[in-house]
Amino acid sequence: MPINCCKYDVYGIRLDAGIPFPELRPALGGRGRVQRVRFALAAGSLERPPVRWDPPRLTPSGMVWARTATGKQPCLVEFPDLATFSVDLRAGHIGVRPVHGVPVRTIRHLFLDSVLPMYLYERGDLVLHGNGVVHGGRSAVLLLGPAMAGKSTAAAALCAAGSTLLADDCVRITRRSGRLVGMPGYAGLRLWADSTANLLDGATRLRAGRSVAHYAPHKRVIAGMTLASAPVGLARVYVLDGPSVARRGTRSDIRIERVGGADAIELLLPHLFRLRTRGMRRLASELQQLTTLAGEVPVSRLLYPRRWSALRGIDAAIAADLAIRDS
């Protein structure tokens, strides 16, 4: 890694990057001992050919989105026609070989939103596929759900109402001073065009930028976005329904339904951020992590009608839920 590499703080780790990441917060000096990961563009061929490809990750249309080769270190993560990443857990190093012509912003997107979360998962961290906001200035609220469930849209509505962003699409959970906390990600949300059109009007400080990647229609909202400056204690975990079962009703039909015990763990399990399924030992570790999470932080279903006007009621519903259970 060259001496003049860019240094950033993201998910509670120090990133030494060979390319600039305008999405990330520059690293602060004087933080003492901190975990580090290095990221660089790879020249030439990757270090070794894949030993065995794991089952691929598919898009909703059935196309291969990503596949991994994790039999030996470094493991490989391939996004067909885009890039191949080499992930060395022991060395704390991630390299990438882009396909010719793929823009740098696409590489940044793949790294931030897929490969880095996978790296954190592979080393044993609890990483959830969801969004986090800081509600009321002190309570971290997580929004989980399958693809197209509206996690980022709901998070954008909460941020427009005054919440601070904690993380988008990937939430790393760890323990600080005996309490489970969410680690800040980066100051950006990925929204579809209809979400930006309906949420980012003149009444909000948030503004959409360009698409996150050359192949993706999502816009990255950075302008006006405020990111949490430190880890925040978890107060609630809300799970949204997928688009195929999303409820429709009147504006007042917003419900928060508490889920406990084994049902809470079953509700959380599909939202682990992983590109592959590992063996029984890791599954046992995941179940223990989720049991601890559900035992310390209330888990609920958040059900609301899929209408733009209903989003305004989510902030009030969460505030009421926090007030009732904190009293």
Protein backbone atom coordinates (compact mmCIF):
# COMPACT_ATOMS: atom_id res chain seq x y z
CA MET A 1 0.00 0.00 0.00
CA PRO A 2 1.53 3.36 -0.91
CA ILE A 3 2.37 5.85 1.82
CA ASN A 4 -0.06 8.42 0.43
CA CYS A 5 -3.08 6.12 0.71
CA CYS A 6 -6.41 7.52 1.85
CA LYS A 7 -7.44 6.72 5.42
CA TYR A 8 -11.07 6.46 6.51
CA ASP A 9 -13.24 5.37 9.43
CA VAL A 10 -16.14 3.04 8.55
CA TYR A 11 -18.04 0.46 10.63
CA GLY A 12 -15.61 1.00 13.50
CA ILE A 13 -12.51 -0.01 11.54
CA ARG A 14 -9.72 1.97 9.87
CA LEU A 15 -9.69 1.64 6.09
CA ASP A 16 -6.42 2.33 4.26
CA ALA A 17 -7.54 2.69 0.65
CA GLY A 18 -5.58 3.07 -2.56
CA ILE A 19 -8.39 5.09 -4.15
CA PRO A 20 -10.44 8.00 -2.74
CA PHE A 21 -13.85 7.24 -1.22
CA PRO A 22 -15.87 10.49 -1.19
CA GLU A 23 -18.65 8.61 0.64
CA LEU A 24 -16.47 8.02 3.72
CA ARG A 25 -15.39 10.10 6.67
CA PRO A 26 -11.62 10.78 6.85
CA ALA A 27 -9.91 8.96 9.71
CA LEU A 28 -9.24 10.96 12.84
CA GLY A 29 -5.84 10.84 14.49
CA GLY A 30 -5.15 9.84 18.07
CA ARG A 31 -7.69 7.02 18.29
CA GLY A 32 -5.22 4.55 19.74
CA ARG A 33 -5.43 0.90 18.82
CA VAL A 34 -7.96 0.24 16.07
CA GLN A 35 -8.63 -2.62 13.67
CA ARG A 36 -7.45 -1.97 10.13
CA VAL A 37 -8.17 -3.27 6.65
CA ARG A 38 -6.29 -2.35 3.47
CA PHE A 39 -7.93 -2.01 0.06
CA ALA A 40 -6.15 -1.63 -3.28
CA LEU A 41 -6.61 -2.08 -7.00
CA ALA A 42 -4.85 -5.29 -8.06
CA ALA A 43 -2.44 -5.21 -10.98
CA GLY A 44 -2.36 -8.22 -13.29
CA SER A 45 -3.86 -11.55 -12.32
CA LEU A 46 -5.11 -12.50 -8.88
CA GLU A 47 -2.88 -14.42 -6.53
CA ARG A 48 -4.40 -17.86 -7.08
CA PRO A 49 -7.13 -19.52 -9.12
CA PRO A 50 -10.33 -20.41 -7.26
CA VAL A 51 -10.30 -23.83 -5.64
CA ARG A 52 -14.05 -24.32 -5.41
CA TRP A 53 -16.93 -21.98 -6.15
CA ASP A 54 -19.66 -21.83 -3.52
CA PRO A 55 -23.32 -21.74 -4.64
CA PRO A 56 -23.91 -18.37 -6.35
CA ARG A 57 -25.99 -15.48 -5.08
CA LEU A 58 -28.84 -14.89 -7.54
CA THR A 59 -30.85 -11.81 -8.43
CA PRO A 60 -34.68 -11.94 -8.18
CA SER A 61 -34.70 -12.64 -11.94
CA GLY A 62 -32.45 -15.69 -11.50
CA MET A 63 -29.21 -14.24 -12.86
CA VAL A 64 -25.91 -14.77 -11.02
CA TRP A 65 -25.13 -11.63 -9.01
CA ALA A 66 -22.09 -12.84 -7.09
CA ARG A 67 -20.21 -16.01 -6.28
CA THR A 68 -17.46 -16.82 -3.81
CA ALA A 69 -14.54 -19.21 -3.58
CA THR A 70 -13.77 -19.61 0.11
CA GLY A 71 -11.95 -22.93 0.31
CA LYS A 72 -8.56 -21.28 0.89
CA GLN A 73 -7.15 -17.88 1.74
CA PRO A 74 -7.40 -15.43 0.14
CA CYS A 75 -11.03 -16.07 -0.75
CA LEU A 76 -12.50 -14.64 -3.95
CA VAL A 77 -15.70 -12.70 -4.56
CA GLU A 78 -16.68 -12.41 -8.22
CA PHE A 79 -19.32 -10.11 -9.66
CA PRO A 80 -19.67 -11.31 -13.28
CA ASP A 81 -18.75 -8.69 -15.89
CA LEU A 82 -17.87 -6.19 -13.14
CA ALA A 83 -14.95 -7.16 -10.88
CA THR A 84 -13.29 -9.89 -8.84
CA PHE A 85 -12.20 -9.18 -5.27
CA SER A 86 -9.51 -11.05 -3.32
CA VAL A 87 -10.20 -11.08 0.44
CA ASP A 88 -7.36 -12.06 2.78
CA LEU A 89 -8.76 -12.29 6.31
CA ARG A 90 -5.42 -13.09 7.93
CA ALA A 91 -3.60 -10.15 6.37
CA GLY A 92 -6.55 -7.76 6.62
CA HIS A 93 -6.23 -7.00 2.90
CA ILE A 94 -8.80 -6.71 0.10
CA GLY A 95 -7.73 -6.35 -3.53
CA VAL A 96 -9.85 -5.90 -6.63
CA ARG A 97 -9.36 -6.54 -10.34
CA PRO A 98 -12.07 -4.66 -12.27
CA VAL A 99 -13.29 -5.71 -15.67
CA HIS A 100 -11.96 -3.27 -18.26
CA GLY A 101 -14.17 -0.19 -18.56
CA VAL A 102 -16.00 -0.55 -15.23
CA PRO A 103 -16.13 2.91 -13.57
CA VAL A 104 -14.45 3.55 -10.24
CA ARG A 105 -17.76 4.51 -8.61
CA THR A 106 -19.03 0.99 -9.36
CA ILE A 107 -15.97 -0.50 -7.65
CA ARG A 108 -16.56 1.72 -4.63
CA HIS A 109 -20.20 0.59 -4.50
CA LEU A 110 -19.34 -3.11 -4.70
CA PHE A 111 -16.68 -2.73 -2.03
CA LEU A 112 -18.69 -0.64 0.43
CA ASP A 113 -22.06 -2.32 0.04
CA SER A 114 -21.10 -5.97 -0.53
CA VAL A 115 -17.46 -6.94 -0.07
CA LEU A 116 -16.61 -5.02 3.11
CA PRO A 117 -19.76 -6.30 4.90
CA MET A 118 -18.85 -9.83 3.76
CA TYR A 119 -15.32 -9.32 5.13
CA LEU A 120 -16.76 -8.33 8.51
CA TYR A 121 -19.11 -11.33 8.48
CA GLU A 122 -16.36 -13.78 7.50
CA ARG A 123 -14.22 -12.75 10.44
CA GLY A 124 -17.07 -13.51 12.85
CA ASP A 125 -18.80 -10.16 13.41
CA LEU A 126 -22.57 -9.83 13.76
CA VAL A 127 -23.54 -8.02 10.54
CA LEU A 128 -27.17 -7.47 9.59
CA HIS A 129 -28.66 -6.56 6.22
CA GLY A 130 -30.57 -3.44 7.12
CA ASN A 131 -30.49 0.25 7.93
CA GLY A 132 -29.90 2.06 11.17
CA VAL A 133 -30.86 5.53 12.39
CA VAL A 134 -30.37 7.39 15.65
CA HIS A 135 -33.82 8.42 16.84
CA GLY A 136 -34.22 11.25 19.32
CA GLY A 137 -30.49 11.81 19.47
CA ARG A 138 -29.71 8.77 21.60
CA SER A 139 -31.51 5.57 20.50
CA ALA A 140 -30.26 3.39 17.64
CA VAL A 141 -33.17 1.91 15.71
CA LEU A 142 -32.56 -0.84 13.12
CA LEU A 143 -34.77 -1.48 10.10
CA LEU A 144 -34.37 -4.97 8.64
CA GLY A 145 -36.14 -6.68 5.79
CA PRO A 146 -35.70 -8.50 2.48
CA ALA A 147 -34.80 -6.77 -0.77
CA MET A 148 -37.37 -4.20 -1.91
CA ALA A 149 -38.95 -4.05 1.55
CA GLY A 150 -38.37 -0.30 1.77
CA LYS A 151 -35.61 -0.20 4.41
CA SER A 152 -33.71 2.70 2.87
CA THR A 153 -36.93 4.53 2.03
CA ALA A 154 -38.13 4.27 5.63
CA ALA A 155 -34.69 5.34 6.87
CA ALA A 156 -34.76 8.35 4.53
CA ALA A 157 -38.19 9.33 5.85
CA LEU A 158 -36.88 9.12 9.43
CA CYS A 159 -33.79 11.18 8.54
CA ALA A 160 -35.97 13.77 6.82
CA ALA A 161 -37.94 13.97 10.10
CA GLY A 162 -34.79 14.67 12.10
CA SER A 163 -33.11 11.34 12.83
CA THR A 164 -29.38 10.84 12.23
CA LEU A 165 -28.18 8.09 9.93
CA LEU A 166 -26.25 5.21 11.50
CA ALA A 167 -25.79 2.90 8.49
CA ASP A 168 -27.32 2.00 5.14
CA ASP A 169 -27.92 -1.61 4.11
CA CYS A 170 -25.23 -3.00 6.46
CA VAL A 171 -25.22 -2.70 10.24
CA ARG A 172 -22.26 -4.01 12.24
CA ILE A 173 -23.15 -4.76 15.86
CA THR A 174 -20.59 -5.09 18.61
CA ARG A 175 -20.37 -4.56 22.37
CA ARG A 176 -19.04 -1.43 24.04
CA SER A 177 -19.02 -0.87 27.81
CA GLY A 178 -21.27 -3.90 28.29
CA ARG A 179 -23.94 -2.73 25.83
CA LEU A 180 -24.75 -3.76 22.26
CA VAL A 181 -24.09 -0.86 19.88
CA GLY A 182 -24.38 -0.15 16.17
CA MET A 183 -21.24 1.11 14.45
CA PRO A 184 -21.51 4.12 12.09
CA GLY A 185 -21.23 3.28 8.40
CA TYR A 186 -21.09 6.13 5.89
CA ALA A 187 -23.22 9.19 5.25
CA GLY A 188 -25.29 7.96 2.34
CA LEU A 189 -28.55 6.22 1.45
CA ARG A 190 -29.37 4.36 -1.77
CA LEU A 191 -32.84 5.18 -3.06
CA TRP A 192 -34.89 4.31 -6.13
CA ALA A 193 -36.05 7.15 -8.37
CA ASP A 194 -39.63 7.08 -7.04
CA SER A 195 -38.36 7.37 -3.46
CA THR A 196 -36.17 10.36 -4.27
CA ALA A 197 -39.03 12.02 -6.15
CA ASN A 198 -41.52 11.58 -3.31
CA LEU A 199 -39.29 12.09 -0.28
CA LEU A 200 -36.65 14.63 -1.27
CA ASP A 201 -38.73 17.73 -1.80
CA GLY A 202 -37.98 21.32 -0.88
CA ALA A 203 -39.01 20.71 2.73
CA THR A 204 -36.06 18.43 3.46
CA ARG A 205 -32.32 19.10 3.55
CA LEU A 206 -31.56 15.79 1.81
CA ARG A 207 -30.54 15.79 -1.85
CA ALA A 208 -29.88 12.91 -4.26
CA GLY A 209 -26.61 12.62 -6.18
CA ARG A 210 -25.68 10.41 -9.11
CA SER A 211 -26.40 6.69 -9.40
CA VAL A 212 -24.37 4.41 -7.14
CA ALA A 213 -23.03 2.38 -10.09
CA HIS A 214 -23.12 2.51 -13.86
CA TYR A 215 -25.52 -0.46 -14.02
CA ALA A 216 -27.80 0.52 -11.10
CA PRO A 217 -30.64 3.07 -11.12
CA HIS A 218 -30.36 3.77 -7.38
CA LYS A 219 -29.36 7.29 -6.44
CA ARG A 220 -26.95 7.82 -3.56
CA VAL A 221 -28.23 10.48 -1.16
CA ILE A 222 -25.25 12.18 0.49
CA ALA A 223 -25.95 15.93 0.42
CA GLY A 224 -27.58 16.99 3.69
CA MET A 225 -27.06 13.58 5.31
CA THR A 226 -25.78 13.54 8.89
CA LEU A 227 -23.92 10.46 10.13
CA ALA A 228 -23.62 9.37 13.75
CA SER A 229 -20.19 10.36 15.06
CA ALA A 230 -19.77 7.43 17.47
CA PRO A 231 -21.24 3.98 18.26
CA VAL A 232 -24.84 4.19 19.47
CA GLY A 233 -26.61 1.83 21.87
CA LEU A 234 -29.28 -0.33 20.26
CA ALA A 235 -32.81 0.43 21.41
CA ARG A 236 -35.06 -1.37 18.91
CA VAL A 237 -34.96 -3.76 15.96
CA TYR A 238 -37.86 -3.51 13.51
CA VAL A 239 -38.41 -6.02 10.69
CA LEU A 240 -40.35 -4.93 7.61
CA ASP A 241 -42.42 -7.22 5.42
CA GLY A 242 -41.23 -8.03 1.91
CA PRO A 243 -42.97 -6.38 -1.06
CA SER A 244 -45.06 -9.47 -1.83
CA VAL A 245 -46.77 -9.37 1.58
CA ALA A 246 -46.70 -5.65 2.31
CA ARG A 247 -49.97 -4.57 3.85
CA ARG A 248 -52.24 -1.89 2.47
CA GLY A 249 -54.74 0.09 4.47
CA THR A 250 -55.54 3.47 5.88
CA ARG A 251 -52.91 5.96 6.97
CA SER A 252 -53.54 5.15 10.62
CA ASP A 253 -52.93 1.46 10.00
CA ILE A 254 -49.34 1.45 11.26
CA ARG A 255 -48.60 -1.30 13.74
CA ILE A 256 -45.60 -2.35 15.77
CA GLU A 257 -45.90 -5.95 16.96
CA ARG A 258 -43.39 -7.23 19.52
CA VAL A 259 -41.84 -10.63 18.80
CA GLY A 260 -39.93 -12.57 21.43
CA GLY A 261 -38.08 -15.80 22.13
CA ALA A 262 -37.46 -18.27 19.32
CA ASP A 263 -39.84 -16.34 17.03
CA ALA A 264 -37.57 -13.29 17.26
CA ILE A 265 -34.49 -15.33 16.34
CA GLU A 266 -36.35 -16.90 13.41
CA LEU A 267 -37.38 -13.42 12.27
CA LEU A 268 -33.79 -12.12 12.45
CA LEU A 269 -31.96 -15.10 10.92
CA PRO A 270 -32.69 -14.34 7.21
CA HIS A 271 -31.21 -10.85 7.64
CA LEU A 272 -27.64 -11.84 8.42
CA PHE A 273 -25.34 -10.19 5.87
CA ARG A 274 -23.63 -13.13 4.21
CA LEU A 275 -22.88 -14.08 0.64
CA ARG A 276 -22.68 -17.78 1.45
CA THR A 277 -23.87 -20.34 3.99
CA ARG A 278 -21.14 -21.68 6.25
CA GLY A 279 -20.88 -24.84 8.36
CA MET A 280 -22.63 -25.90 11.54
CA ARG A 281 -20.06 -24.29 13.83
CA ARG A 282 -20.66 -20.86 12.32
CA LEU A 283 -24.42 -21.41 12.33
CA ALA A 284 -24.26 -22.17 16.06
CA SER A 285 -22.28 -18.96 16.56
CA GLU A 286 -24.84 -16.98 14.57
CA LEU A 287 -27.72 -18.38 16.61
CA GLN A 288 -25.90 -17.43 19.80
CA GLN A 289 -25.30 -13.90 18.49
CA LEU A 290 -28.96 -13.50 17.53
CA THR A 291 -30.12 -14.98 20.85
CA THR A 292 -28.05 -12.36 22.66
CA LEU A 293 -29.39 -9.59 20.43
CA ALA A 294 -33.02 -10.62 20.87
CA GLY A 295 -32.50 -11.03 24.60
CA GLU A 296 -31.13 -7.50 25.07
CA VAL A 297 -32.93 -5.46 22.40
CA PRO A 298 -36.70 -5.60 21.71
CA VAL A 299 -37.51 -7.06 18.28
CA SER A 300 -40.76 -6.14 16.52
CA ARG A 301 -42.50 -6.31 13.18
CA LEU A 302 -43.15 -2.88 11.67
CA LEU A 303 -46.23 -3.01 9.47
CA TYR A 304 -47.41 0.00 7.50
CA PRO A 305 -49.38 0.61 4.27
CA ARG A 306 -47.15 1.07 1.24
CA ARG A 307 -48.20 4.62 0.46
CA TRP A 308 -45.96 7.67 0.50
CA SER A 309 -48.25 9.47 2.92
CA ALA A 310 -47.91 6.62 5.43
CA LEU A 311 -44.16 7.18 5.74
CA ARG A 312 -44.82 10.35 7.70
CA GLY A 313 -46.43 8.27 10.42
CA ILE A 314 -43.47 5.93 10.97
CA ASP A 315 -41.47 8.51 12.92
CA ALA A 316 -44.36 9.12 15.34
CA ALA A 317 -45.05 5.39 15.70
CA ILE A 318 -41.42 4.65 16.59
CA ALA A 319 -41.29 7.60 19.00
CA ALA A 320 -44.39 6.30 20.76
CA ASP A 321 -42.96 2.78 20.89
CA LEU A 322 -39.70 4.04 22.41
CA ALA A 323 -41.56 6.17 24.96
CA ILE A 324 -43.88 3.36 26.09
CA ARG A 325 -41.18 0.75 26.55
CA ASP A 326 -38.71 3.20 28.12
CA SER A 327 -41.22 4.36 30.71
